[in-house]
Amino acid sequence: HEPYELAEFWSRVIGHPVDPQAEPGDD
């Protein structure tokens, strides 16, 4: 599992956006 992908899942669940500076592969 990747932090960015899990953040995208939770973004869709609760409606809060992923930090726009975040990128796939970030720790």
mmCIF file of all heavy atoms, coordinates in Angstrom:
data_MODEL
# 
_entry.id   MODEL 
# 
loop_
_atom_site.group_PDB 
_atom_site.id 
_atom_site.type_symbol 
_atom_site.label_atom_id 
_atom_site.label_alt_id 
_atom_site.label_comp_id 
_atom_site.label_asym_id 
_atom_site.label_entity_id 
_atom_site.label_seq_id 
_atom_site.pdbx_PDB_ins_code 
_atom_site.Cartn_x 
_atom_site.Cartn_y 
_atom_site.Cartn_z 
_atom_site.occupancy 
_atom_site.B_iso_or_equiv 
_atom_site.pdbx_formal_charge 
_atom_site.auth_seq_id 
_atom_site.auth_comp_id 
_atom_site.auth_asym_id 
_atom_site.auth_atom_id 
_atom_site.pdbx_PDB_model_num 
ATOM 1   N N   . HIS A 1 1  ? 0.831   -1.203 0.000  1.00 0.00 ? 1  HIS A N   1 
ATOM 2   C CA  . HIS A 1 1  ? 0.000   0.000  0.000  1.00 0.00 ? 1  HIS A CA  1 
ATOM 3   C C   . HIS A 1 1  ? 0.863   1.249  0.000  1.00 0.00 ? 1  HIS A C   1 
ATOM 4   O O   . HIS A 1 1  ? 1.906   1.301  0.632  1.00 0.00 ? 1  HIS A O   1 
ATOM 5   C CB  . HIS A 1 1  ? -0.950  -0.029 1.188  1.00 0.00 ? 1  HIS A CB  1 
ATOM 6   C CG  . HIS A 1 1  ? -1.761  -1.274 1.230  1.00 0.00 ? 1  HIS A CG  1 
ATOM 7   N ND1 . HIS A 1 1  ? -2.799  -1.516 0.360  1.00 0.00 ? 1  HIS A ND1 1 
ATOM 8   C CD2 . HIS A 1 1  ? -1.644  -2.386 1.977  1.00 0.00 ? 1  HIS A CD2 1 
ATOM 9   C CE1 . HIS A 1 1  ? -3.294  -2.699 0.593  1.00 0.00 ? 1  HIS A CE1 1 
ATOM 10  N NE2 . HIS A 1 1  ? -2.616  -3.262 1.572  1.00 0.00 ? 1  HIS A NE2 1 
ATOM 11  N N   . GLU A 1 2  ? 0.410   2.244  -0.721 1.00 0.00 ? 2  GLU A N   1 
ATOM 12  C CA  . GLU A 1 2  ? 1.129   3.503  -0.875 1.00 0.00 ? 2  GLU A CA  1 
ATOM 13  C C   . GLU A 1 2  ? 0.396   4.629  -0.154 1.00 0.00 ? 2  GLU A C   1 
ATOM 14  O O   . GLU A 1 2  ? -0.836  4.725  -0.253 1.00 0.00 ? 2  GLU A O   1 
ATOM 15  C CB  . GLU A 1 2  ? 1.246   3.861  -2.357 1.00 0.00 ? 2  GLU A CB  1 
ATOM 16  C CG  . GLU A 1 2  ? 2.225   3.006  -3.117 1.00 0.00 ? 2  GLU A CG  1 
ATOM 17  C CD  . GLU A 1 2  ? 3.658   3.299  -2.710 1.00 0.00 ? 2  GLU A CD  1 
ATOM 18  O OE1 . GLU A 1 2  ? 4.005   4.477  -2.499 1.00 0.00 ? 2  GLU A OE1 1 
ATOM 19  O OE2 . GLU A 1 2  ? 4.426   2.328  -2.583 1.00 0.00 ? 2  GLU A OE2 1 
ATOM 20  N N   . PRO A 1 3  ? 1.118   5.494  0.562  1.00 0.00 ? 3  PRO A N   1 
ATOM 21  C CA  . PRO A 1 3  ? 0.477   6.607  1.249  1.00 0.00 ? 3  PRO A CA  1 
ATOM 22  C C   . PRO A 1 3  ? -0.399  7.463  0.333  1.00 0.00 ? 3  PRO A C   1 
ATOM 23  O O   . PRO A 1 3  ? -1.520  7.824  0.703  1.00 0.00 ? 3  PRO A O   1 
ATOM 24  C CB  . PRO A 1 3  ? 1.660   7.417  1.799  1.00 0.00 ? 3  PRO A CB  1 
ATOM 25  C CG  . PRO A 1 3  ? 2.723   6.381  2.022  1.00 0.00 ? 3  PRO A CG  1 
ATOM 26  C CD  . PRO A 1 3  ? 2.556   5.429  0.860  1.00 0.00 ? 3  PRO A CD  1 
ATOM 27  N N   . TYR A 1 4  ? 0.081   7.751  -0.866 1.00 0.00 ? 4  TYR A N   1 
ATOM 28  C CA  . TYR A 1 4  ? -0.692  8.619  -1.770 1.00 0.00 ? 4  TYR A CA  1 
ATOM 29  C C   . TYR A 1 4  ? -2.008  7.950  -2.173 1.00 0.00 ? 4  TYR A C   1 
ATOM 30  O O   . TYR A 1 4  ? -3.060  8.582  -2.174 1.00 0.00 ? 4  TYR A O   1 
ATOM 31  C CB  . TYR A 1 4  ? 0.141   8.971  -3.001 1.00 0.00 ? 4  TYR A CB  1 
ATOM 32  C CG  . TYR A 1 4  ? -0.489  10.051 -3.845 1.00 0.00 ? 4  TYR A CG  1 
ATOM 33  C CD1 . TYR A 1 4  ? -0.245  11.390 -3.568 1.00 0.00 ? 4  TYR A CD1 1 
ATOM 34  C CD2 . TYR A 1 4  ? -1.343  9.743  -4.906 1.00 0.00 ? 4  TYR A CD2 1 
ATOM 35  C CE1 . TYR A 1 4  ? -0.822  12.401 -4.325 1.00 0.00 ? 4  TYR A CE1 1 
ATOM 36  C CE2 . TYR A 1 4  ? -1.918  10.747 -5.666 1.00 0.00 ? 4  TYR A CE2 1 
ATOM 37  C CZ  . TYR A 1 4  ? -1.660  12.072 -5.371 1.00 0.00 ? 4  TYR A CZ  1 
ATOM 38  O OH  . TYR A 1 4  ? -2.248  13.065 -6.114 1.00 0.00 ? 4  TYR A OH  1 
ATOM 39  N N   . GLU A 1 5  ? -1.959  6.666  -2.500 1.00 0.00 ? 5  GLU A N   1 
ATOM 40  C CA  . GLU A 1 5  ? -3.171  5.955  -2.917 1.00 0.00 ? 5  GLU A CA  1 
ATOM 41  C C   . GLU A 1 5  ? -4.173  5.854  -1.773 1.00 0.00 ? 5  GLU A C   1 
ATOM 42  O O   . GLU A 1 5  ? -5.375  6.019  -1.977 1.00 0.00 ? 5  GLU A O   1 
ATOM 43  C CB  . GLU A 1 5  ? -2.819  4.565  -3.434 1.00 0.00 ? 5  GLU A CB  1 
ATOM 44  C CG  . GLU A 1 5  ? -2.050  4.603  -4.739 1.00 0.00 ? 5  GLU A CG  1 
ATOM 45  C CD  . GLU A 1 5  ? -1.486  3.244  -5.126 1.00 0.00 ? 5  GLU A CD  1 
ATOM 46  O OE1 . GLU A 1 5  ? -1.694  2.249  -4.405 1.00 0.00 ? 5  GLU A OE1 1 
ATOM 47  O OE2 . GLU A 1 5  ? -0.805  3.185  -6.168 1.00 0.00 ? 5  GLU A OE2 1 
ATOM 48  N N   . LEU A 1 6  ? -3.689  5.597  -0.556 1.00 0.00 ? 6  LEU A N   1 
ATOM 49  C CA  . LEU A 1 6  ? -4.591  5.515  0.585  1.00 0.00 ? 6  LEU A CA  1 
ATOM 50  C C   . LEU A 1 6  ? -5.186  6.887  0.895  1.00 0.00 ? 6  LEU A C   1 
ATOM 51  O O   . LEU A 1 6  ? -6.364  7.003  1.235  1.00 0.00 ? 6  LEU A O   1 
ATOM 52  C CB  . LEU A 1 6  ? -3.855  4.951  1.802  1.00 0.00 ? 6  LEU A CB  1 
ATOM 53  C CG  . LEU A 1 6  ? -4.729  4.329  2.871  1.00 0.00 ? 6  LEU A CG  1 
ATOM 54  C CD1 . LEU A 1 6  ? -5.658  3.259  2.312  1.00 0.00 ? 6  LEU A CD1 1 
ATOM 55  C CD2 . LEU A 1 6  ? -3.875  3.759  3.980  1.00 0.00 ? 6  LEU A CD2 1 
ATOM 56  N N   . ALA A 1 7  ? -4.386  7.939  0.744  1.00 0.00 ? 7  ALA A N   1 
ATOM 57  C CA  . ALA A 1 7  ? -4.899  9.299  0.929  1.00 0.00 ? 7  ALA A CA  1 
ATOM 58  C C   . ALA A 1 7  ? -5.996  9.607  -0.090 1.00 0.00 ? 7  ALA A C   1 
ATOM 59  O O   . ALA A 1 7  ? -7.010  10.222 0.250  1.00 0.00 ? 7  ALA A O   1 
ATOM 60  C CB  . ALA A 1 7  ? -3.766  10.314 0.821  1.00 0.00 ? 7  ALA A CB  1 
ATOM 61  N N   . GLU A 1 8  ? -5.812  9.173  -1.328 1.00 0.00 ? 8  GLU A N   1 
ATOM 62  C CA  . GLU A 1 8  ? -6.856  9.392  -2.340 1.00 0.00 ? 8  GLU A CA  1 
ATOM 63  C C   . GLU A 1 8  ? -8.146  8.670  -1.962 1.00 0.00 ? 8  GLU A C   1 
ATOM 64  O O   . GLU A 1 8  ? -9.233  9.217  -2.139 1.00 0.00 ? 8  GLU A O   1 
ATOM 65  C CB  . GLU A 1 8  ? -6.380  8.923  -3.713 1.00 0.00 ? 8  GLU A CB  1 
ATOM 66  C CG  . GLU A 1 8  ? -5.364  9.837  -4.346 1.00 0.00 ? 8  GLU A CG  1 
ATOM 67  C CD  . GLU A 1 8  ? -4.977  9.404  -5.743 1.00 0.00 ? 8  GLU A CD  1 
ATOM 68  O OE1 . GLU A 1 8  ? -4.752  8.191  -5.966 1.00 0.00 ? 8  GLU A OE1 1 
ATOM 69  O OE2 . GLU A 1 8  ? -4.936  10.288 -6.614 1.00 0.00 ? 8  GLU A OE2 1 
ATOM 70  N N   . PHE A 1 9  ? -8.060  7.434  -1.461 1.00 0.00 ? 9  PHE A N   1 
ATOM 71  C CA  . PHE A 1 9  ? -9.244  6.707  -1.016 1.00 0.00 ? 9  PHE A CA  1 
ATOM 72  C C   . PHE A 1 9  ? -9.968  7.505  0.067  1.00 0.00 ? 9  PHE A C   1 
ATOM 73  O O   . PHE A 1 9  ? -11.164 7.766  -0.029 1.00 0.00 ? 9  PHE A O   1 
ATOM 74  C CB  . PHE A 1 9  ? -8.862  5.312  -0.476 1.00 0.00 ? 9  PHE A CB  1 
ATOM 75  C CG  . PHE A 1 9  ? -9.976  4.638  0.265  1.00 0.00 ? 9  PHE A CG  1 
ATOM 76  C CD1 . PHE A 1 9  ? -10.973 3.960  -0.418 1.00 0.00 ? 9  PHE A CD1 1 
ATOM 77  C CD2 . PHE A 1 9  ? -10.047 4.692  1.650  1.00 0.00 ? 9  PHE A CD2 1 
ATOM 78  C CE1 . PHE A 1 9  ? -12.023 3.362  0.257  1.00 0.00 ? 9  PHE A CE1 1 
ATOM 79  C CE2 . PHE A 1 9  ? -11.089 4.089  2.340  1.00 0.00 ? 9  PHE A CE2 1 
ATOM 80  C CZ  . PHE A 1 9  ? -12.081 3.417  1.641  1.00 0.00 ? 9  PHE A CZ  1 
ATOM 81  N N   . TRP A 1 10 ? -9.244  7.906  1.110  1.00 0.00 ? 10 TRP A N   1 
ATOM 82  C CA  . TRP A 1 10 ? -9.870  8.628  2.215  1.00 0.00 ? 10 TRP A CA  1 
ATOM 83  C C   . TRP A 1 10 ? -10.375 10.013 1.788  1.00 0.00 ? 10 TRP A C   1 
ATOM 84  O O   . TRP A 1 10 ? -11.365 10.507 2.321  1.00 0.00 ? 10 TRP A O   1 
ATOM 85  C CB  . TRP A 1 10 ? -8.908  8.715  3.398  1.00 0.00 ? 10 TRP A CB  1 
ATOM 86  C CG  . TRP A 1 10 ? -8.947  7.438  4.176  1.00 0.00 ? 10 TRP A CG  1 
ATOM 87  C CD1 . TRP A 1 10 ? -8.065  6.400  4.123  1.00 0.00 ? 10 TRP A CD1 1 
ATOM 88  C CD2 . TRP A 1 10 ? -9.969  7.046  5.089  1.00 0.00 ? 10 TRP A CD2 1 
ATOM 89  N NE1 . TRP A 1 10 ? -8.477  5.392  4.952  1.00 0.00 ? 10 TRP A NE1 1 
ATOM 90  C CE2 . TRP A 1 10 ? -9.632  5.755  5.563  1.00 0.00 ? 10 TRP A CE2 1 
ATOM 91  C CE3 . TRP A 1 10 ? -11.131 7.651  5.565  1.00 0.00 ? 10 TRP A CE3 1 
ATOM 92  C CZ2 . TRP A 1 10 ? -10.425 5.080  6.484  1.00 0.00 ? 10 TRP A CZ2 1 
ATOM 93  C CZ3 . TRP A 1 10 ? -11.908 6.972  6.485  1.00 0.00 ? 10 TRP A CZ3 1 
ATOM 94  C CH2 . TRP A 1 10 ? -11.556 5.702  6.928  1.00 0.00 ? 10 TRP A CH2 1 
ATOM 95  N N   . SER A 1 11 ? -9.722  10.624 0.824  1.00 0.00 ? 11 SER A N   1 
ATOM 96  C CA  . SER A 1 11 ? -10.210 11.895 0.286  1.00 0.00 ? 11 SER A CA  1 
ATOM 97  C C   . SER A 1 11 ? -11.610 11.721 -0.291 1.00 0.00 ? 11 SER A C   1 
ATOM 98  O O   . SER A 1 11 ? -12.497 12.558 -0.086 1.00 0.00 ? 11 SER A O   1 
ATOM 99  C CB  . SER A 1 11 ? -9.245  12.411 -0.787 1.00 0.00 ? 11 SER A CB  1 
ATOM 100 O OG  . SER A 1 11 ? -9.759  13.571 -1.394 1.00 0.00 ? 11 SER A OG  1 
ATOM 101 N N   . ARG A 1 12 ? -11.826 10.618 -1.010 1.00 0.00 ? 12 ARG A N   1 
ATOM 102 C CA  . ARG A 1 12 ? -13.148 10.346 -1.587 1.00 0.00 ? 12 ARG A CA  1 
ATOM 103 C C   . ARG A 1 12 ? -14.167 10.002 -0.497 1.00 0.00 ? 12 ARG A C   1 
ATOM 104 O O   . ARG A 1 12 ? -15.342 10.315 -0.638 1.00 0.00 ? 12 ARG A O   1 
ATOM 105 C CB  . ARG A 1 12 ? -13.056 9.239  -2.623 1.00 0.00 ? 12 ARG A CB  1 
ATOM 106 C CG  . ARG A 1 12 ? -12.287 9.656  -3.879 1.00 0.00 ? 12 ARG A CG  1 
ATOM 107 C CD  . ARG A 1 12 ? -12.330 8.627  -4.990 1.00 0.00 ? 12 ARG A CD  1 
ATOM 108 N NE  . ARG A 1 12 ? -11.844 7.323  -4.623 1.00 0.00 ? 12 ARG A NE  1 
ATOM 109 C CZ  . ARG A 1 12 ? -10.586 6.893  -4.749 1.00 0.00 ? 12 ARG A CZ  1 
ATOM 110 N NH1 . ARG A 1 12 ? -9.666  7.702  -5.231 1.00 0.00 ? 12 ARG A NH1 1 
ATOM 111 N NH2 . ARG A 1 12 ? -10.249 5.683  -4.393 1.00 0.00 ? 12 ARG A NH2 1 
ATOM 112 N N   . VAL A 1 13 ? -13.722 9.377  0.596  1.00 0.00 ? 13 VAL A N   1 
ATOM 113 C CA  . VAL A 1 13 ? -14.648 9.027  1.679  1.00 0.00 ? 13 VAL A CA  1 
ATOM 114 C C   . VAL A 1 13 ? -15.115 10.263 2.427  1.00 0.00 ? 13 VAL A C   1 
ATOM 115 O O   . VAL A 1 13 ? -16.312 10.455 2.628  1.00 0.00 ? 13 VAL A O   1 
ATOM 116 C CB  . VAL A 1 13 ? -14.003 8.014  2.665  1.00 0.00 ? 13 VAL A CB  1 
ATOM 117 C CG1 . VAL A 1 13 ? -14.865 7.826  3.914  1.00 0.00 ? 13 VAL A CG1 1 
ATOM 118 C CG2 . VAL A 1 13 ? -13.776 6.665  1.986  1.00 0.00 ? 13 VAL A CG2 1 
ATOM 119 N N   . ILE A 1 14 ? -14.170 11.127 2.863  1.00 0.00 ? 14 ILE A N   1 
ATOM 120 C CA  . ILE A 1 14 ? -14.561 12.247 3.724  1.00 0.00 ? 14 ILE A CA  1 
ATOM 121 C C   . ILE A 1 14 ? -14.630 13.598 3.020  1.00 0.00 ? 14 ILE A C   1 
ATOM 122 O O   . ILE A 1 14 ? -15.044 14.584 3.624  1.00 0.00 ? 14 ILE A O   1 
ATOM 123 C CB  . ILE A 1 14 ? -13.653 12.346 4.967  1.00 0.00 ? 14 ILE A CB  1 
ATOM 124 C CG1 . ILE A 1 14 ? -12.221 12.701 4.599  1.00 0.00 ? 14 ILE A CG1 1 
ATOM 125 C CG2 . ILE A 1 14 ? -13.717 11.064 5.792  1.00 0.00 ? 14 ILE A CG2 1 
ATOM 126 C CD1 . ILE A 1 14 ? -11.348 13.031 5.796  1.00 0.00 ? 14 ILE A CD1 1 
ATOM 127 N N   . GLY A 1 15 ? -14.202 13.660 1.747  1.00 0.00 ? 15 GLY A N   1 
ATOM 128 C CA  . GLY A 1 15 ? -14.339 14.905 1.000  1.00 0.00 ? 15 GLY A CA  1 
ATOM 129 C C   . GLY A 1 15 ? -13.273 15.957 1.279  1.00 0.00 ? 15 GLY A C   1 
ATOM 130 O O   . GLY A 1 15 ? -13.436 17.104 0.883  1.00 0.00 ? 15 GLY A O   1 
ATOM 131 N N   . HIS A 1 16 ? -12.186 15.598 1.943  1.00 0.00 ? 16 HIS A N   1 
ATOM 132 C CA  . HIS A 1 16 ? -11.084 16.537 2.153  1.00 0.00 ? 16 HIS A CA  1 
ATOM 133 C C   . HIS A 1 16 ? -10.035 16.282 1.077  1.00 0.00 ? 16 HIS A C   1 
ATOM 134 O O   . HIS A 1 16 ? -9.682  15.130 0.815  1.00 0.00 ? 16 HIS A O   1 
ATOM 135 C CB  . HIS A 1 16 ? -10.451 16.357 3.523  1.00 0.00 ? 16 HIS A CB  1 
ATOM 136 C CG  . HIS A 1 16 ? -11.370 16.708 4.653  1.00 0.00 ? 16 HIS A CG  1 
ATOM 137 N ND1 . HIS A 1 16 ? -10.983 16.608 5.963  1.00 0.00 ? 16 HIS A ND1 1 
ATOM 138 C CD2 . HIS A 1 16 ? -12.641 17.151 4.693  1.00 0.00 ? 16 HIS A CD2 1 
ATOM 139 C CE1 . HIS A 1 16 ? -11.966 16.977 6.744  1.00 0.00 ? 16 HIS A CE1 1 
ATOM 140 N NE2 . HIS A 1 16 ? -12.997 17.307 5.995  1.00 0.00 ? 16 HIS A NE2 1 
ATOM 141 N N   . PRO A 1 17 ? -9.509  17.330 0.456  1.00 0.00 ? 17 PRO A N   1 
ATOM 142 C CA  . PRO A 1 17 ? -8.556  17.124 -0.640 1.00 0.00 ? 17 PRO A CA  1 
ATOM 143 C C   . PRO A 1 17 ? -7.175  16.679 -0.177 1.00 0.00 ? 17 PRO A C   1 
ATOM 144 O O   . PRO A 1 17 ? -6.731  17.007 0.929  1.00 0.00 ? 17 PRO A O   1 
ATOM 145 C CB  . PRO A 1 17 ? -8.486  18.505 -1.296 1.00 0.00 ? 17 PRO A CB  1 
ATOM 146 C CG  . PRO A 1 17 ? -8.839  19.466 -0.211 1.00 0.00 ? 17 PRO A CG  1 
ATOM 147 C CD  . PRO A 1 17 ? -9.822  18.745 0.680  1.00 0.00 ? 17 PRO A CD  1 
ATOM 148 N N   . VAL A 1 18 ? -6.511  15.931 -1.043 1.00 0.00 ? 18 VAL A N   1 
ATOM 149 C CA  . VAL A 1 18 ? -5.111  15.583 -0.832 1.00 0.00 ? 18 VAL A CA  1 
ATOM 150 C C   . VAL A 1 18 ? -4.289  16.858 -0.992 1.00 0.00 ? 18 VAL A C   1 
ATOM 151 O O   . VAL A 1 18 ? -4.569  17.683 -1.867 1.00 0.00 ? 18 VAL A O   1 
ATOM 152 C CB  . VAL A 1 18 ? -4.661  14.515 -1.859 1.00 0.00 ? 18 VAL A CB  1 
ATOM 153 C CG1 . VAL A 1 18 ? -3.171  14.237 -1.754 1.00 0.00 ? 18 VAL A CG1 1 
ATOM 154 C CG2 . VAL A 1 18 ? -5.465  13.225 -1.694 1.00 0.00 ? 18 VAL A CG2 1 
ATOM 155 N N   . ASP A 1 19 ? -3.298  17.036 -0.131 1.00 0.00 ? 19 ASP A N   1 
ATOM 156 C CA  . ASP A 1 19 ? -2.401  18.188 -0.228 1.00 0.00 ? 19 ASP A CA  1 
ATOM 157 C C   . ASP A 1 19 ? -1.921  18.312 -1.671 1.00 0.00 ? 19 ASP A C   1 
ATOM 158 O O   . ASP A 1 19 ? -1.363  17.359 -2.227 1.00 0.00 ? 19 ASP A O   1 
ATOM 159 C CB  . ASP A 1 19 ? -1.220  17.982 0.715  1.00 0.00 ? 19 ASP A CB  1 
ATOM 160 C CG  . ASP A 1 19 ? -0.201  19.111 0.694  1.00 0.00 ? 19 ASP A CG  1 
ATOM 161 O OD1 . ASP A 1 19 ? -0.193  19.929 -0.247 1.00 0.00 ? 19 ASP A OD1 1 
ATOM 162 O OD2 . ASP A 1 19 ? 0.614   19.169 1.614  1.00 0.00 ? 19 ASP A OD2 1 
ATOM 163 N N   . PRO A 1 20 ? -2.119  19.461 -2.311 1.00 0.00 ? 20 PRO A N   1 
ATOM 164 C CA  . PRO A 1 20 ? -1.749  19.603 -3.714 1.00 0.00 ? 20 PRO A CA  1 
ATOM 165 C C   . PRO A 1 20 ? -0.248  19.451 -3.982 1.00 0.00 ? 20 PRO A C   1 
ATOM 166 O O   . PRO A 1 20 ? 0.154   19.213 -5.113 1.00 0.00 ? 20 PRO A O   1 
ATOM 167 C CB  . PRO A 1 20 ? -2.241  20.999 -4.097 1.00 0.00 ? 20 PRO A CB  1 
ATOM 168 C CG  . PRO A 1 20 ? -2.478  21.714 -2.824 1.00 0.00 ? 20 PRO A CG  1 
ATOM 169 C CD  . PRO A 1 20 ? -2.724  20.677 -1.770 1.00 0.00 ? 20 PRO A CD  1 
ATOM 170 N N   . GLN A 1 21 ? 0.586   19.562 -2.953 1.00 0.00 ? 21 GLN A N   1 
ATOM 171 C CA  . GLN A 1 21 ? 2.024   19.371 -3.139 1.00 0.00 ? 21 GLN A CA  1 
ATOM 172 C C   . GLN A 1 21 ? 2.442   17.904 -3.031 1.00 0.00 ? 21 GLN A C   1 
ATOM 173 O O   . GLN A 1 21 ? 3.571   17.558 -3.335 1.00 0.00 ? 21 GLN A O   1 
ATOM 174 C CB  . GLN A 1 21 ? 2.799   20.216 -2.140 1.00 0.00 ? 21 GLN A CB  1 
ATOM 175 C CG  . GLN A 1 21 ? 2.584   21.696 -2.358 1.00 0.00 ? 21 GLN A CG  1 
ATOM 176 C CD  . GLN A 1 21 ? 3.349   22.542 -1.361 1.00 0.00 ? 21 GLN A CD  1 
ATOM 177 O OE1 . GLN A 1 21 ? 4.018   22.044 -0.467 1.00 0.00 ? 21 GLN A OE1 1 
ATOM 178 N NE2 . GLN A 1 21 ? 3.255   23.846 -1.518 1.00 0.00 ? 21 GLN A NE2 1 
ATOM 179 N N   . ALA A 1 22 ? 1.522   17.039 -2.613 1.00 0.00 ? 22 ALA A N   1 
ATOM 180 C CA  . ALA A 1 22 ? 1.837   15.609 -2.477 1.00 0.00 ? 22 ALA A CA  1 
ATOM 181 C C   . ALA A 1 22 ? 1.885   14.951 -3.851 1.00 0.00 ? 22 ALA A C   1 
ATOM 182 O O   . ALA A 1 22 ? 1.191   15.371 -4.784 1.00 0.00 ? 22 ALA A O   1 
ATOM 183 C CB  . ALA A 1 22 ? 0.784   14.927 -1.618 1.00 0.00 ? 22 ALA A CB  1 
ATOM 184 N N   . GLU A 1 23 ? 2.711   13.916 -3.943 1.00 0.00 ? 23 GLU A N   1 
ATOM 185 C CA  . GLU A 1 23 ? 2.857   13.186 -5.205 1.00 0.00 ? 23 GLU A CA  1 
ATOM 186 C C   . GLU A 1 23 ? 2.911   11.690 -4.937 1.00 0.00 ? 23 GLU A C   1 
ATOM 187 O O   . GLU A 1 23 ? 3.335   11.267 -3.855 1.00 0.00 ? 23 GLU A O   1 
ATOM 188 C CB  . GLU A 1 23 ? 4.153   13.604 -5.910 1.00 0.00 ? 23 GLU A CB  1 
ATOM 189 C CG  . GLU A 1 23 ? 4.199   15.054 -6.309 1.00 0.00 ? 23 GLU A CG  1 
ATOM 190 C CD  . GLU A 1 23 ? 5.514   15.410 -6.981 1.00 0.00 ? 23 GLU A CD  1 
ATOM 191 O OE1 . GLU A 1 23 ? 6.434   14.565 -7.035 1.00 0.00 ? 23 GLU A OE1 1 
ATOM 192 O OE2 . GLU A 1 23 ? 5.619   16.551 -7.457 1.00 0.00 ? 23 GLU A OE2 1 
ATOM 193 N N   . PRO A 1 24 ? 2.510   10.873 -5.918 1.00 0.00 ? 24 PRO A N   1 
ATOM 194 C CA  . PRO A 1 24 ? 2.683   9.431  -5.767 1.00 0.00 ? 24 PRO A CA  1 
ATOM 195 C C   . PRO A 1 24 ? 4.144   9.123  -5.451 1.00 0.00 ? 24 PRO A C   1 
ATOM 196 O O   . PRO A 1 24 ? 5.055   9.757  -5.979 1.00 0.00 ? 24 PRO A O   1 
ATOM 197 C CB  . PRO A 1 24 ? 2.276   8.880  -7.135 1.00 0.00 ? 24 PRO A CB  1 
ATOM 198 C CG  . PRO A 1 24 ? 1.314   9.901  -7.672 1.00 0.00 ? 24 PRO A CG  1 
ATOM 199 C CD  . PRO A 1 24 ? 1.854   11.224 -7.188 1.00 0.00 ? 24 PRO A CD  1 
ATOM 200 N N   . GLY A 1 25 ? 4.364   8.188  -4.538 1.00 0.00 ? 25 GLY A N   1 
ATOM 201 C CA  . GLY A 1 25 ? 5.712   7.826  -4.131 1.00 0.00 ? 25 GLY A CA  1 
ATOM 202 C C   . GLY A 1 25 ? 6.188   8.545  -2.880 1.00 0.00 ? 25 GLY A C   1 
ATOM 203 O O   . GLY A 1 25 ? 7.200   8.151  -2.286 1.00 0.00 ? 25 GLY A O   1 
ATOM 204 N N   . ASP A 1 26 ? 5.488   9.610  -2.448 1.00 0.00 ? 26 ASP A N   1 
ATOM 205 C CA  . ASP A 1 26 ? 5.876   10.320 -1.226 1.00 0.00 ? 26 ASP A CA  1 
ATOM 206 C C   . ASP A 1 26 ? 5.732   9.397  -0.019 1.00 0.00 ? 26 ASP A C   1 
ATOM 207 O O   . ASP A 1 26 ? 4.828   8.561  0.034  1.00 0.00 ? 26 ASP A O   1 
ATOM 208 C CB  . ASP A 1 26 ? 4.995   11.556 -1.001 1.00 0.00 ? 26 ASP A CB  1 
ATOM 209 C CG  . ASP A 1 26 ? 5.341   12.716 -1.917 1.00 0.00 ? 26 ASP A CG  1 
ATOM 210 O OD1 . ASP A 1 26 ? 6.362   12.632 -2.643 1.00 0.00 ? 26 ASP A OD1 1 
ATOM 211 O OD2 . ASP A 1 26 ? 4.586   13.715 -1.911 1.00 0.00 ? 26 ASP A OD2 1 
ATOM 212 N N   . ASP A 1 27 ? 6.596   9.567  0.969  1.00 0.00 ? 27 ASP A N   1 
ATOM 213 C CA  . ASP A 1 27 ? 6.537   8.773  2.195  1.00 0.00 ? 27 ASP A CA  1 
ATOM 214 C C   . ASP A 1 27 ? 5.472   9.270  3.164  1.00 0.00 ? 27 ASP A C   1 
ATOM 215 O O   . ASP A 1 27 ? 5.031   8.526  4.033  1.00 0.00 ? 27 ASP A O   1 
ATOM 216 C CB  . ASP A 1 27 ? 7.890   8.772  2.903  1.00 0.00 ? 27 ASP A CB  1 
ATOM 217 C CG  . ASP A 1 27 ? 8.932   7.952  2.166  1.00 0.00 ? 27 ASP A CG  1 
ATOM 218 O OD1 . ASP A 1 27 ? 8.555   7.024  1.414  1.00 0.00 ? 27 ASP A OD1 1 
ATOM 219 O OD2 . ASP A 1 27 ? 10.123  8.239  2.348  1.00 0.00 ? 27 ASP A OD2 1 
# 
